[in-house]
Amino acid sequence: MKDKILLDDIKDKSLNELTELANNIIENLENKKNLEDSVEEYQKLIKLNGLIEKKFQKTSKEISQSTKDKIQKIVKKNEKKIK
């Protein structure tokens, strides 16, 4: 249940916020001396990494589509000027 709440909260965050959260988890893991106590943190980090990848891919597709739309708009505008 706690993971579900964590995941719901994370989905609304930006890539920068997610990256910062991942960095914080990594920093906490690096400071721990007993890695056996860190299994839960590693699992959170793995889930967070997956979400960052998905969000990055989605954002990348949105940027590509937006750029494509803008190029088409410019091409159409230039075609009208030529006629």
N, C-alpha and C. Protein backbone atom coordinates (compact mmCIF):
# COMPACT_ATOMS: atom_id res chain seq x y z
N MET A 1 0.84 -1.19 0.00
CA MET A 1 0.00 0.00 0.00
C MET A 1 0.88 1.25 0.00
N LYS A 2 1.92 1.24 0.81
CA LYS A 2 2.81 2.39 0.89
C LYS A 2 3.46 2.66 -0.46
N ASP A 3 3.87 1.57 -1.16
CA ASP A 3 4.47 1.72 -2.48
C ASP A 3 3.49 2.32 -3.46
N LYS A 4 2.22 1.93 -3.39
CA LYS A 4 1.21 2.45 -4.29
C LYS A 4 1.05 3.95 -4.08
N ILE A 5 1.02 4.38 -2.83
CA ILE A 5 0.92 5.81 -2.53
C ILE A 5 2.16 6.53 -3.05
N LEU A 6 3.32 5.95 -2.84
CA LEU A 6 4.57 6.53 -3.32
C LEU A 6 4.54 6.66 -4.84
N LEU A 7 4.09 5.62 -5.53
CA LEU A 7 4.06 5.63 -6.99
C LEU A 7 3.06 6.65 -7.52
N ASP A 8 1.90 6.77 -6.88
CA ASP A 8 0.91 7.76 -7.31
C ASP A 8 1.47 9.17 -7.18
N ASP A 9 2.15 9.44 -6.09
CA ASP A 9 2.75 10.76 -5.86
C ASP A 9 3.85 11.03 -6.89
N ILE A 10 4.61 10.02 -7.20
CA ILE A 10 5.75 10.18 -8.11
C ILE A 10 5.30 10.47 -9.54
N LYS A 11 4.19 9.89 -9.96
CA LYS A 11 3.73 10.05 -11.33
C LYS A 11 3.46 11.51 -11.68
N ASP A 12 3.17 12.32 -10.69
CA ASP A 12 2.86 13.73 -10.92
C ASP A 12 4.10 14.62 -10.94
N LYS A 13 5.26 14.05 -10.62
CA LYS A 13 6.49 14.85 -10.54
C LYS A 13 7.16 14.98 -11.89
N SER A 14 7.96 16.02 -12.04
CA SER A 14 8.70 16.25 -13.29
C SER A 14 9.92 15.34 -13.32
N LEU A 15 10.55 15.26 -14.49
CA LEU A 15 11.77 14.47 -14.62
C LEU A 15 12.86 14.96 -13.67
N ASN A 16 12.97 16.28 -13.54
CA ASN A 16 13.98 16.83 -12.63
C ASN A 16 13.72 16.44 -11.19
N GLU A 17 12.47 16.49 -10.78
CA GLU A 17 12.12 16.10 -9.41
C GLU A 17 12.38 14.62 -9.18
N LEU A 18 12.06 13.79 -10.17
CA LEU A 18 12.30 12.36 -10.05
C LEU A 18 13.79 12.05 -9.97
N THR A 19 14.57 12.75 -10.78
CA THR A 19 16.02 12.55 -10.77
C THR A 19 16.59 12.96 -9.42
N GLU A 20 16.10 14.06 -8.88
CA GLU A 20 16.57 14.51 -7.56
C GLU A 20 16.22 13.49 -6.49
N LEU A 21 15.02 12.92 -6.57
CA LEU A 21 14.60 11.90 -5.62
C LEU A 21 15.50 10.67 -5.73
N ALA A 22 15.81 10.25 -6.94
CA ALA A 22 16.71 9.11 -7.15
C ALA A 22 18.09 9.41 -6.58
N ASN A 23 18.58 10.61 -6.81
CA ASN A 23 19.88 10.99 -6.28
C ASN A 23 19.90 10.96 -4.75
N ASN A 24 18.80 11.38 -4.14
CA ASN A 24 18.70 11.34 -2.68
C ASN A 24 18.73 9.91 -2.16
N ILE A 25 18.03 9.02 -2.84
CA ILE A 25 18.03 7.61 -2.43
C ILE A 25 19.43 7.03 -2.57
N ILE A 26 20.10 7.34 -3.68
CA ILE A 26 21.47 6.86 -3.89
C ILE A 26 22.39 7.37 -2.80
N GLU A 27 22.26 8.65 -2.48
CA GLU A 27 23.11 9.23 -1.43
C GLU A 27 22.88 8.53 -0.09
N ASN A 28 21.61 8.27 0.23
CA ASN A 28 21.29 7.56 1.48
C ASN A 28 21.90 6.15 1.47
N LEU A 29 21.82 5.48 0.33
CA LEU A 29 22.38 4.13 0.23
C LEU A 29 23.90 4.15 0.39
N GLU A 30 24.53 5.14 -0.19
CA GLU A 30 25.99 5.24 -0.09
C GLU A 30 26.44 5.48 1.35
N ASN A 31 25.61 6.14 2.13
CA ASN A 31 25.97 6.46 3.52
C ASN A 31 25.69 5.32 4.49
N LYS A 32 24.93 4.32 4.05
CA LYS A 32 24.62 3.19 4.93
C LYS A 32 25.79 2.22 4.95
N LYS A 33 26.05 1.68 6.12
CA LYS A 33 27.16 0.73 6.25
C LYS A 33 26.68 -0.70 6.10
N ASN A 34 25.45 -0.97 6.46
CA ASN A 34 24.90 -2.32 6.38
C ASN A 34 23.97 -2.41 5.18
N LEU A 35 24.43 -3.03 4.12
CA LEU A 35 23.64 -3.10 2.89
C LEU A 35 22.41 -4.00 3.02
N GLU A 36 22.43 -4.92 3.96
CA GLU A 36 21.28 -5.80 4.15
C GLU A 36 20.04 -5.00 4.57
N ASP A 37 20.26 -3.91 5.24
CA ASP A 37 19.14 -3.05 5.66
C ASP A 37 18.65 -2.15 4.53
N SER A 38 19.30 -2.21 3.39
CA SER A 38 19.02 -1.28 2.31
C SER A 38 18.19 -1.89 1.18
N VAL A 39 17.75 -3.12 1.33
CA VAL A 39 17.04 -3.81 0.26
C VAL A 39 15.80 -3.02 -0.17
N GLU A 40 15.06 -2.52 0.78
CA GLU A 40 13.85 -1.76 0.48
C GLU A 40 14.18 -0.49 -0.32
N GLU A 41 15.26 0.18 0.05
CA GLU A 41 15.67 1.39 -0.66
C GLU A 41 16.08 1.06 -2.10
N TYR A 42 16.79 -0.06 -2.28
CA TYR A 42 17.17 -0.48 -3.63
C TYR A 42 15.93 -0.77 -4.47
N GLN A 43 14.94 -1.41 -3.88
CA GLN A 43 13.70 -1.71 -4.61
C GLN A 43 12.99 -0.43 -5.02
N LYS A 44 12.95 0.55 -4.13
CA LYS A 44 12.36 1.85 -4.47
C LYS A 44 13.11 2.50 -5.62
N LEU A 45 14.43 2.40 -5.56
CA LEU A 45 15.27 3.00 -6.59
C LEU A 45 15.02 2.34 -7.95
N ILE A 46 14.87 1.03 -7.96
CA ILE A 46 14.59 0.31 -9.20
C ILE A 46 13.24 0.74 -9.78
N LYS A 47 12.23 0.82 -8.93
CA LYS A 47 10.91 1.26 -9.38
C LYS A 47 10.97 2.70 -9.89
N LEU A 48 11.67 3.53 -9.17
CA LEU A 48 11.81 4.94 -9.56
C LEU A 48 12.53 5.05 -10.90
N ASN A 49 13.55 4.24 -11.09
CA ASN A 49 14.28 4.24 -12.35
C ASN A 49 13.36 3.88 -13.51
N GLY A 50 12.52 2.88 -13.32
CA GLY A 50 11.56 2.49 -14.36
C GLY A 50 10.60 3.62 -14.69
N LEU A 51 10.13 4.31 -13.66
CA LEU A 51 9.21 5.43 -13.89
C LEU A 51 9.91 6.58 -14.61
N ILE A 52 11.17 6.83 -14.25
CA ILE A 52 11.93 7.89 -14.92
C ILE A 52 12.10 7.55 -16.39
N GLU A 53 12.41 6.30 -16.69
CA GLU A 53 12.58 5.89 -18.09
C GLU A 53 11.28 6.08 -18.88
N LYS A 54 10.16 5.64 -18.30
CA LYS A 54 8.87 5.78 -18.99
C LYS A 54 8.53 7.25 -19.21
N LYS A 55 8.73 8.07 -18.18
CA LYS A 55 8.41 9.49 -18.29
C LYS A 55 9.32 10.16 -19.31
N PHE A 56 10.59 9.77 -19.34
CA PHE A 56 11.53 10.32 -20.31
C PHE A 56 11.10 9.96 -21.72
N GLN A 57 10.73 8.70 -21.94
CA GLN A 57 10.28 8.27 -23.27
C GLN A 57 9.02 9.02 -23.70
N LYS A 58 8.09 9.19 -22.77
CA LYS A 58 6.85 9.90 -23.07
C LYS A 58 7.15 11.37 -23.44
N THR A 59 8.00 12.01 -22.63
CA THR A 59 8.36 13.40 -22.88
C THR A 59 9.11 13.53 -24.20
N SER A 60 9.97 12.58 -24.49
CA SER A 60 10.72 12.58 -25.74
C SER A 60 9.77 12.48 -26.94
N LYS A 61 8.78 11.61 -26.85
CA LYS A 61 7.79 11.47 -27.93
C LYS A 61 7.00 12.76 -28.10
N GLU A 62 6.62 13.38 -26.99
CA GLU A 62 5.86 14.62 -27.06
C GLU A 62 6.67 15.72 -27.73
N ILE A 63 7.95 15.81 -27.39
CA ILE A 63 8.82 16.82 -28.00
C ILE A 63 8.97 16.54 -29.50
N SER A 64 9.16 15.29 -29.86
CA SER A 64 9.30 14.92 -31.27
C SER A 64 8.04 15.28 -32.04
N GLN A 65 6.89 14.96 -31.49
CA GLN A 65 5.63 15.25 -32.18
C GLN A 65 5.42 16.75 -32.30
N SER A 66 5.72 17.48 -31.25
CA SER A 66 5.58 18.93 -31.28
C SER A 66 6.49 19.54 -32.34
N THR A 67 7.72 19.06 -32.41
CA THR A 67 8.67 19.55 -33.41
C THR A 67 8.19 19.23 -34.81
N LYS A 68 7.69 18.03 -34.99
CA LYS A 68 7.16 17.61 -36.30
C LYS A 68 5.99 18.51 -36.71
N ASP A 69 5.09 18.78 -35.77
CA ASP A 69 3.94 19.64 -36.05
C ASP A 69 4.38 21.05 -36.43
N LYS A 70 5.37 21.57 -35.72
CA LYS A 70 5.87 22.92 -36.01
C LYS A 70 6.51 22.97 -37.39
N ILE A 71 7.26 21.93 -37.75
CA ILE A 71 7.90 21.88 -39.06
C ILE A 71 6.84 21.85 -40.16
N GLN A 72 5.81 21.03 -39.98
CA GLN A 72 4.74 20.95 -40.96
C GLN A 72 4.03 22.29 -41.12
N LYS A 73 3.84 22.97 -40.02
CA LYS A 73 3.19 24.29 -40.04
C LYS A 73 4.04 25.28 -40.84
N ILE A 74 5.34 25.25 -40.61
CA ILE A 74 6.26 26.15 -41.33
C ILE A 74 6.27 25.83 -42.81
N VAL A 75 6.29 24.53 -43.14
CA VAL A 75 6.30 24.12 -44.54
C VAL A 75 5.02 24.59 -45.25
N LYS A 76 3.89 24.40 -44.60
CA LYS A 76 2.61 24.85 -45.18
C LYS A 76 2.60 26.36 -45.38
N LYS A 77 3.13 27.07 -44.39
CA LYS A 77 3.18 28.54 -44.47
C LYS A 77 4.07 28.97 -45.66
N ASN A 78 5.20 28.30 -45.81
CA ASN A 78 6.10 28.62 -46.93
C ASN A 78 5.49 28.26 -48.28
N GLU A 79 4.71 27.18 -48.31
CA GLU A 79 4.04 26.79 -49.57
C GLU A 79 3.04 27.87 -49.99
N LYS A 80 2.34 28.44 -49.03
CA LYS A 80 1.38 29.50 -49.33
C LYS A 80 2.08 30.74 -49.85
N LYS A 81 3.25 31.05 -49.29
CA LYS A 81 4.01 32.22 -49.74
C LYS A 81 4.51 32.03 -51.17
N ILE A 82 4.88 30.82 -51.53
CA ILE A 82 5.41 30.53 -52.87
C ILE A 82 4.32 30.68 -53.92
N LYS A 83 3.12 30.29 -53.60
CA LYS A 83 2.01 30.36 -54.56
C LYS A 83 1.63 31.78 -54.74
